[in-house]
């Protein structure tokens, strides 16, 4: 399974917002993530529609998480970015091959992947980052 660019950048935006103690402006997010402003605004709009981020206007405004990091899963972020794991059609019973040998194994794989995506929270990701900060990413 490969994450799309949209998923990678969108999750990075959520991660940056989770690390921040204050709202971050679009300009700050561009600087911290190297995502172009137009693309960043598209991602933020998707995340807003998915109730992952919210925006505040004004001098001290910017983007913040709409919920606590412990209440946002990787699955939530990917679904908001319209990039959840999509299994082949045989998993959904729409495969035209009635002798499809893949249905059972792909169904288990799909269930397993989604279970993991829905169990890992943004807080887990932040905590993992913080525990590895002083070790250069190595334990």
N, C-alpha and C. Protein backbone atom coordinates (compact mmCIF):
# COMPACT_ATOMS: atom_id res chain seq x y z
N UNK A 1 0.85 -1.18 0.00
CA UNK A 1 0.00 0.00 0.00
C UNK A 1 0.89 1.24 0.00
N UNK A 2 0.60 2.13 -0.90
CA UNK A 2 1.33 3.38 -0.97
C UNK A 2 0.38 4.51 -0.62
N UNK A 3 0.88 5.47 0.14
CA UNK A 3 0.08 6.66 0.42
C UNK A 3 0.26 7.64 -0.72
N UNK A 4 -0.81 8.28 -1.09
CA UNK A 4 -0.73 9.30 -2.13
C UNK A 4 -0.03 10.54 -1.58
N UNK A 5 0.35 11.41 -2.47
CA UNK A 5 0.94 12.68 -2.06
C UNK A 5 -0.05 13.46 -1.21
N UNK A 6 -1.31 13.41 -1.59
CA UNK A 6 -2.35 14.11 -0.83
C UNK A 6 -2.40 13.60 0.61
N UNK A 7 -2.35 12.27 0.78
CA UNK A 7 -2.39 11.68 2.11
C UNK A 7 -1.14 12.05 2.91
N UNK A 8 0.01 11.96 2.28
CA UNK A 8 1.27 12.28 2.97
C UNK A 8 1.30 13.73 3.44
N UNK A 9 0.97 14.65 2.55
CA UNK A 9 0.98 16.06 2.90
C UNK A 9 -0.13 16.39 3.90
N UNK A 10 -1.31 15.82 3.71
CA UNK A 10 -2.42 16.09 4.62
C UNK A 10 -2.11 15.61 6.03
N UNK A 11 -1.52 14.43 6.14
CA UNK A 11 -1.14 13.93 7.46
C UNK A 11 -0.03 14.78 8.07
N UNK A 12 0.86 15.27 7.24
CA UNK A 12 1.93 16.14 7.74
C UNK A 12 1.34 17.44 8.29
N UNK A 13 0.34 17.98 7.60
CA UNK A 13 -0.33 19.20 8.09
C UNK A 13 -0.96 18.95 9.46
N UNK A 14 -1.66 17.84 9.58
CA UNK A 14 -2.28 17.49 10.87
C UNK A 14 -1.23 17.33 11.96
N UNK A 15 -0.13 16.70 11.60
CA UNK A 15 0.97 16.50 12.54
C UNK A 15 1.53 17.85 13.02
N UNK A 16 1.74 18.77 12.09
CA UNK A 16 2.26 20.09 12.47
C UNK A 16 1.27 20.82 13.38
N UNK A 17 -0.02 20.72 13.08
CA UNK A 17 -1.03 21.36 13.93
C UNK A 17 -1.07 20.71 15.30
N UNK A 18 -0.86 19.41 15.37
CA UNK A 18 -0.85 18.71 16.66
C UNK A 18 0.34 19.13 17.51
N UNK A 19 1.46 19.43 16.87
CA UNK A 19 2.66 19.86 17.61
C UNK A 19 2.56 21.30 18.09
N UNK A 20 1.77 22.10 17.41
CA UNK A 20 1.71 23.53 17.70
C UNK A 20 0.83 23.83 18.91
N UNK A 21 1.25 24.79 19.69
CA UNK A 21 0.48 25.25 20.84
C UNK A 21 -0.47 26.38 20.46
N UNK A 22 -0.29 26.93 19.28
CA UNK A 22 -1.10 28.06 18.82
C UNK A 22 -1.58 27.79 17.40
N UNK A 23 -2.60 28.53 16.95
CA UNK A 23 -3.04 28.37 15.55
C UNK A 23 -1.89 28.69 14.59
N UNK A 24 -1.85 27.97 13.49
CA UNK A 24 -0.83 28.21 12.47
C UNK A 24 -1.49 28.78 11.23
N UNK A 25 -0.90 29.83 10.69
CA UNK A 25 -1.43 30.43 9.46
C UNK A 25 -1.05 29.56 8.28
N UNK A 26 -1.72 29.78 7.17
CA UNK A 26 -1.39 29.06 5.94
C UNK A 26 0.06 29.33 5.55
N UNK A 27 0.51 30.57 5.73
CA UNK A 27 1.90 30.91 5.39
C UNK A 27 2.89 30.12 6.26
N UNK A 28 2.58 29.98 7.55
CA UNK A 28 3.45 29.20 8.43
C UNK A 28 3.47 27.73 8.02
N UNK A 29 2.32 27.21 7.66
CA UNK A 29 2.24 25.81 7.24
C UNK A 29 2.99 25.57 5.94
N UNK A 30 2.93 26.52 5.02
CA UNK A 30 3.69 26.41 3.78
C UNK A 30 5.18 26.34 4.10
N UNK A 31 5.62 27.21 4.98
CA UNK A 31 7.04 27.27 5.35
C UNK A 31 7.49 25.96 6.03
N UNK A 32 6.65 25.41 6.89
CA UNK A 32 7.02 24.22 7.65
C UNK A 32 6.91 22.92 6.86
N UNK A 33 6.08 22.92 5.82
CA UNK A 33 5.82 21.66 5.11
C UNK A 33 6.32 21.64 3.67
N UNK A 34 6.69 22.78 3.13
CA UNK A 34 7.10 22.88 1.72
C UNK A 34 5.99 22.49 0.75
N UNK A 35 4.75 22.65 1.16
CA UNK A 35 3.59 22.41 0.30
C UNK A 35 3.18 23.75 -0.28
N UNK A 36 2.94 23.82 -1.59
CA UNK A 36 2.51 25.06 -2.22
C UNK A 36 1.19 25.55 -1.64
N UNK A 37 1.00 26.86 -1.63
CA UNK A 37 -0.16 27.46 -0.98
C UNK A 37 -1.48 26.97 -1.57
N UNK A 38 -1.58 26.87 -2.87
CA UNK A 38 -2.84 26.43 -3.49
C UNK A 38 -3.18 24.99 -3.08
N UNK A 39 -2.18 24.12 -3.13
CA UNK A 39 -2.39 22.73 -2.75
C UNK A 39 -2.70 22.62 -1.26
N UNK A 40 -1.98 23.39 -0.46
CA UNK A 40 -2.20 23.41 0.98
C UNK A 40 -3.64 23.83 1.30
N UNK A 41 -4.13 24.84 0.62
CA UNK A 41 -5.50 25.30 0.86
C UNK A 41 -6.52 24.23 0.46
N UNK A 42 -6.25 23.48 -0.60
CA UNK A 42 -7.13 22.38 -0.98
C UNK A 42 -7.16 21.30 0.10
N UNK A 43 -5.97 20.96 0.60
CA UNK A 43 -5.88 19.94 1.64
C UNK A 43 -6.59 20.40 2.92
N UNK A 44 -6.37 21.65 3.30
CA UNK A 44 -7.01 22.18 4.50
C UNK A 44 -8.53 22.21 4.36
N UNK A 45 -9.02 22.52 3.16
CA UNK A 45 -10.47 22.51 2.92
C UNK A 45 -11.03 21.10 3.09
N UNK A 46 -10.31 20.10 2.59
CA UNK A 46 -10.76 18.71 2.75
C UNK A 46 -10.75 18.32 4.22
N UNK A 47 -9.70 18.71 4.93
CA UNK A 47 -9.60 18.38 6.35
C UNK A 47 -10.67 19.12 7.18
N UNK A 48 -11.03 20.32 6.75
CA UNK A 48 -12.11 21.05 7.42
C UNK A 48 -13.44 20.33 7.21
N UNK A 49 -13.72 19.91 5.98
CA UNK A 49 -14.96 19.18 5.70
C UNK A 49 -15.03 17.87 6.48
N UNK A 50 -13.88 17.28 6.74
CA UNK A 50 -13.82 16.03 7.48
C UNK A 50 -13.76 16.21 8.99
N UNK A 51 -13.94 17.45 9.45
CA UNK A 51 -13.92 17.76 10.89
C UNK A 51 -12.59 17.38 11.55
N UNK A 52 -11.51 17.59 10.82
CA UNK A 52 -10.18 17.33 11.36
C UNK A 52 -9.54 18.64 11.78
N UNK A 53 -9.69 19.68 10.97
CA UNK A 53 -9.15 21.01 11.31
C UNK A 53 -10.28 22.04 11.28
N UNK A 54 -10.01 23.14 11.93
CA UNK A 54 -10.91 24.28 11.89
C UNK A 54 -10.05 25.53 11.73
N UNK A 55 -10.66 26.59 11.25
CA UNK A 55 -9.92 27.83 11.00
C UNK A 55 -10.53 28.97 11.79
N UNK A 56 -9.67 29.85 12.27
CA UNK A 56 -10.10 31.06 12.95
C UNK A 56 -9.57 32.25 12.18
N UNK A 57 -10.42 33.25 12.03
CA UNK A 57 -10.02 34.47 11.33
C UNK A 57 -9.45 35.47 12.32
N UNK A 58 -8.79 36.46 11.76
CA UNK A 58 -8.30 37.55 12.59
C UNK A 58 -6.81 37.50 12.80
N UNK A 59 -6.34 38.49 13.55
CA UNK A 59 -4.91 38.66 13.77
C UNK A 59 -4.25 37.43 14.40
N UNK A 60 -4.91 36.83 15.36
CA UNK A 60 -4.32 35.65 16.01
C UNK A 60 -4.96 34.36 15.49
N UNK A 61 -5.56 34.44 14.32
CA UNK A 61 -6.24 33.29 13.74
C UNK A 61 -5.28 32.33 13.07
N UNK A 62 -5.85 31.36 12.44
CA UNK A 62 -5.08 30.35 11.75
C UNK A 62 -5.81 29.03 11.84
N UNK A 63 -5.08 27.97 11.60
CA UNK A 63 -5.67 26.63 11.60
C UNK A 63 -5.28 25.89 12.87
N UNK A 64 -6.22 25.15 13.41
CA UNK A 64 -6.01 24.30 14.56
C UNK A 64 -6.76 22.99 14.32
N UNK A 65 -6.44 21.99 15.11
CA UNK A 65 -7.19 20.74 15.03
C UNK A 65 -8.60 20.97 15.58
N UNK A 66 -9.57 20.36 14.96
CA UNK A 66 -10.96 20.49 15.39
C UNK A 66 -11.25 19.61 16.61
N UNK A 67 -10.43 18.59 16.80
CA UNK A 67 -10.58 17.67 17.93
C UNK A 67 -9.21 17.42 18.54
N UNK A 68 -9.21 16.84 19.70
CA UNK A 68 -7.95 16.48 20.35
C UNK A 68 -7.23 15.42 19.51
N UNK A 69 -5.89 15.45 19.48
CA UNK A 69 -5.14 14.45 18.71
C UNK A 69 -5.48 13.00 19.09
N UNK A 70 -5.85 12.77 20.34
CA UNK A 70 -6.21 11.42 20.77
C UNK A 70 -7.52 10.95 20.14
N UNK A 71 -8.30 11.90 19.61
CA UNK A 71 -9.60 11.58 19.02
C UNK A 71 -9.59 11.60 17.49
N UNK A 72 -8.41 11.71 16.90
CA UNK A 72 -8.26 11.72 15.44
C UNK A 72 -7.39 10.54 15.05
N UNK A 73 -7.95 9.63 14.27
CA UNK A 73 -7.18 8.46 13.83
C UNK A 73 -6.60 8.70 12.44
N UNK A 74 -5.65 7.86 12.09
CA UNK A 74 -5.11 7.91 10.73
C UNK A 74 -6.24 7.65 9.73
N UNK A 75 -7.13 6.73 10.07
CA UNK A 75 -8.27 6.46 9.21
C UNK A 75 -9.14 7.69 8.99
N UNK A 76 -9.36 8.47 10.07
CA UNK A 76 -10.12 9.72 9.96
C UNK A 76 -9.46 10.68 8.97
N UNK A 77 -8.14 10.83 9.12
CA UNK A 77 -7.42 11.75 8.24
C UNK A 77 -7.49 11.29 6.79
N UNK A 78 -7.24 10.01 6.55
CA UNK A 78 -7.25 9.49 5.19
C UNK A 78 -8.65 9.59 4.58
N UNK A 79 -9.67 9.32 5.37
CA UNK A 79 -11.03 9.44 4.85
C UNK A 79 -11.36 10.89 4.52
N UNK A 80 -10.93 11.83 5.36
CA UNK A 80 -11.17 13.25 5.08
C UNK A 80 -10.47 13.68 3.80
N UNK A 81 -9.31 13.09 3.56
CA UNK A 81 -8.53 13.41 2.37
C UNK A 81 -8.96 12.57 1.17
N UNK A 82 -10.04 11.82 1.36
CA UNK A 82 -10.58 10.95 0.31
C UNK A 82 -9.51 10.01 -0.21
N UNK A 83 -8.78 9.42 0.74
CA UNK A 83 -7.66 8.57 0.36
C UNK A 83 -7.57 7.36 1.26
N UNK A 84 -8.71 6.82 1.71
CA UNK A 84 -8.70 5.62 2.52
C UNK A 84 -8.24 4.43 1.71
N UNK A 85 -7.97 3.36 2.37
CA UNK A 85 -7.53 2.15 1.69
C UNK A 85 -8.69 1.60 0.87
N UNK A 86 -8.46 1.41 -0.40
CA UNK A 86 -9.48 0.86 -1.30
C UNK A 86 -9.06 -0.53 -1.74
N UNK A 87 -9.84 -1.49 -1.35
CA UNK A 87 -9.56 -2.87 -1.74
C UNK A 87 -10.10 -3.14 -3.14
N UNK A 88 -9.58 -4.16 -3.79
CA UNK A 88 -10.09 -4.54 -5.11
C UNK A 88 -11.57 -4.91 -5.06
N UNK A 89 -12.20 -4.89 -6.21
CA UNK A 89 -13.65 -5.12 -6.28
C UNK A 89 -14.08 -6.49 -5.76
N UNK A 90 -13.20 -7.48 -5.80
CA UNK A 90 -13.61 -8.80 -5.31
C UNK A 90 -13.88 -8.80 -3.81
N UNK A 91 -13.28 -7.89 -3.08
CA UNK A 91 -13.56 -7.79 -1.64
C UNK A 91 -15.00 -7.38 -1.40
N UNK A 92 -15.53 -6.54 -2.25
CA UNK A 92 -16.88 -5.99 -2.06
C UNK A 92 -17.95 -6.86 -2.69
N UNK A 93 -17.56 -8.00 -3.24
CA UNK A 93 -18.54 -8.91 -3.82
C UNK A 93 -19.00 -8.50 -5.20
N UNK A 94 -18.28 -7.58 -5.84
CA UNK A 94 -18.68 -7.14 -7.17
C UNK A 94 -17.77 -7.70 -8.25
N UNK A 95 -16.91 -8.61 -7.87
CA UNK A 95 -15.99 -9.24 -8.83
C UNK A 95 -16.80 -10.10 -9.79
N UNK A 96 -16.52 -9.99 -11.06
CA UNK A 96 -17.25 -10.76 -12.06
C UNK A 96 -16.78 -12.21 -12.12
N UNK A 97 -15.66 -12.52 -11.51
CA UNK A 97 -15.12 -13.89 -11.51
C UNK A 97 -15.67 -14.65 -10.31
N UNK A 98 -16.62 -15.55 -10.55
CA UNK A 98 -17.23 -16.27 -9.42
C UNK A 98 -16.25 -17.26 -8.77
N UNK A 99 -15.15 -17.54 -9.43
CA UNK A 99 -14.14 -18.43 -8.87
C UNK A 99 -12.92 -17.65 -8.37
N UNK A 100 -13.11 -16.40 -8.05
CA UNK A 100 -12.00 -15.53 -7.62
C UNK A 100 -11.32 -16.10 -6.37
N UNK A 101 -10.06 -16.46 -6.48
CA UNK A 101 -9.36 -17.02 -5.32
C UNK A 101 -8.86 -15.95 -4.35
N UNK A 102 -8.98 -14.70 -4.74
CA UNK A 102 -8.42 -13.61 -3.93
C UNK A 102 -9.39 -13.05 -2.90
N UNK A 103 -10.66 -13.29 -3.06
CA UNK A 103 -11.69 -12.64 -2.24
C UNK A 103 -11.42 -12.78 -0.74
N UNK A 104 -11.19 -13.99 -0.28
CA UNK A 104 -11.04 -14.23 1.15
C UNK A 104 -9.79 -13.54 1.72
N UNK A 105 -8.67 -13.73 1.05
CA UNK A 105 -7.43 -13.15 1.58
C UNK A 105 -7.46 -11.62 1.49
N UNK A 106 -8.00 -11.08 0.40
CA UNK A 106 -8.06 -9.62 0.26
C UNK A 106 -9.05 -9.01 1.25
N UNK A 107 -10.11 -9.71 1.55
CA UNK A 107 -11.07 -9.23 2.54
C UNK A 107 -10.40 -9.15 3.91
N UNK A 108 -9.63 -10.17 4.27
CA UNK A 108 -8.90 -10.16 5.55
C UNK A 108 -7.85 -9.04 5.56
N UNK A 109 -7.17 -8.86 4.45
CA UNK A 109 -6.17 -7.81 4.35
C UNK A 109 -6.82 -6.44 4.51
N UNK A 110 -7.93 -6.22 3.82
CA UNK A 110 -8.66 -4.96 3.91
C UNK A 110 -9.10 -4.69 5.34
N UNK A 111 -9.67 -5.70 5.99
CA UNK A 111 -10.12 -5.53 7.38
C UNK A 111 -8.95 -5.21 8.30
N UNK A 112 -7.83 -5.90 8.10
CA UNK A 112 -6.65 -5.68 8.95
C UNK A 112 -6.07 -4.29 8.78
N UNK A 113 -5.96 -3.84 7.54
CA UNK A 113 -5.42 -2.51 7.29
C UNK A 113 -6.32 -1.44 7.90
N UNK A 114 -7.62 -1.57 7.67
CA UNK A 114 -8.54 -0.58 8.23
C UNK A 114 -8.56 -0.60 9.75
N UNK A 115 -8.38 -1.76 10.34
CA UNK A 115 -8.33 -1.85 11.81
C UNK A 115 -7.12 -1.07 12.34
N UNK A 116 -5.99 -1.22 11.67
CA UNK A 116 -4.78 -0.49 12.08
C UNK A 116 -4.98 1.01 11.88
N UNK A 117 -5.48 1.41 10.71
CA UNK A 117 -5.68 2.83 10.43
C UNK A 117 -6.62 3.48 11.43
N UNK A 118 -7.61 2.72 11.89
CA UNK A 118 -8.57 3.26 12.85
C UNK A 118 -8.12 3.14 14.30
N UNK A 119 -6.99 2.48 14.53
CA UNK A 119 -6.50 2.34 15.91
C UNK A 119 -5.33 3.26 16.22
N UNK A 120 -4.65 3.76 15.21
CA UNK A 120 -3.50 4.66 15.43
C UNK A 120 -4.01 6.09 15.40
N UNK A 121 -3.76 6.81 16.49
CA UNK A 121 -4.23 8.19 16.58
C UNK A 121 -3.11 9.17 16.25
N UNK A 122 -3.53 10.39 16.02
CA UNK A 122 -2.57 11.47 15.80
C UNK A 122 -1.70 11.64 17.04
N UNK A 123 -2.27 11.45 18.22
CA UNK A 123 -1.48 11.53 19.45
C UNK A 123 -0.42 10.44 19.47
N UNK A 124 -0.73 9.24 19.01
CA UNK A 124 0.28 8.18 18.92
C UNK A 124 1.45 8.61 18.05
N UNK A 125 1.14 9.24 16.93
CA UNK A 125 2.18 9.69 16.00
C UNK A 125 3.04 10.77 16.64
N UNK A 126 2.39 11.72 17.32
CA UNK A 126 3.12 12.80 18.01
C UNK A 126 4.00 12.22 19.11
N UNK A 127 3.45 11.31 19.91
CA UNK A 127 4.23 10.71 21.00
C UNK A 127 5.41 9.92 20.47
N UNK A 128 5.22 9.21 19.36
CA UNK A 128 6.32 8.47 18.75
C UNK A 128 7.41 9.44 18.28
N UNK A 129 7.00 10.53 17.67
CA UNK A 129 7.96 11.54 17.22
C UNK A 129 8.73 12.10 18.41
N UNK A 130 8.01 12.47 19.46
CA UNK A 130 8.67 13.06 20.63
C UNK A 130 9.62 12.07 21.32
N UNK A 131 9.26 10.81 21.34
CA UNK A 131 10.14 9.83 21.99
C UNK A 131 11.39 9.55 21.15
N UNK A 132 11.33 9.85 19.86
CA UNK A 132 12.48 9.60 18.99
C UNK A 132 13.27 10.85 18.64
N UNK A 133 12.82 12.01 19.08
CA UNK A 133 13.47 13.28 18.71
C UNK A 133 14.94 13.31 19.07
N UNK A 134 15.28 12.89 20.25
CA UNK A 134 16.66 12.97 20.71
C UNK A 134 17.54 11.86 20.21
N UNK A 135 16.96 10.90 19.47
CA UNK A 135 17.76 9.75 19.03
C UNK A 135 17.95 9.71 17.53
N UNK A 136 17.61 10.80 16.86
CA UNK A 136 17.77 10.81 15.42
C UNK A 136 16.86 9.83 14.71
N UNK A 137 15.73 9.50 15.36
CA UNK A 137 14.78 8.58 14.76
C UNK A 137 15.06 7.12 15.10
N UNK A 138 16.15 6.86 15.83
CA UNK A 138 16.48 5.48 16.21
C UNK A 138 16.24 5.28 17.69
N UNK A 139 15.78 4.11 18.03
CA UNK A 139 15.57 3.78 19.45
C UNK A 139 16.79 3.15 20.03
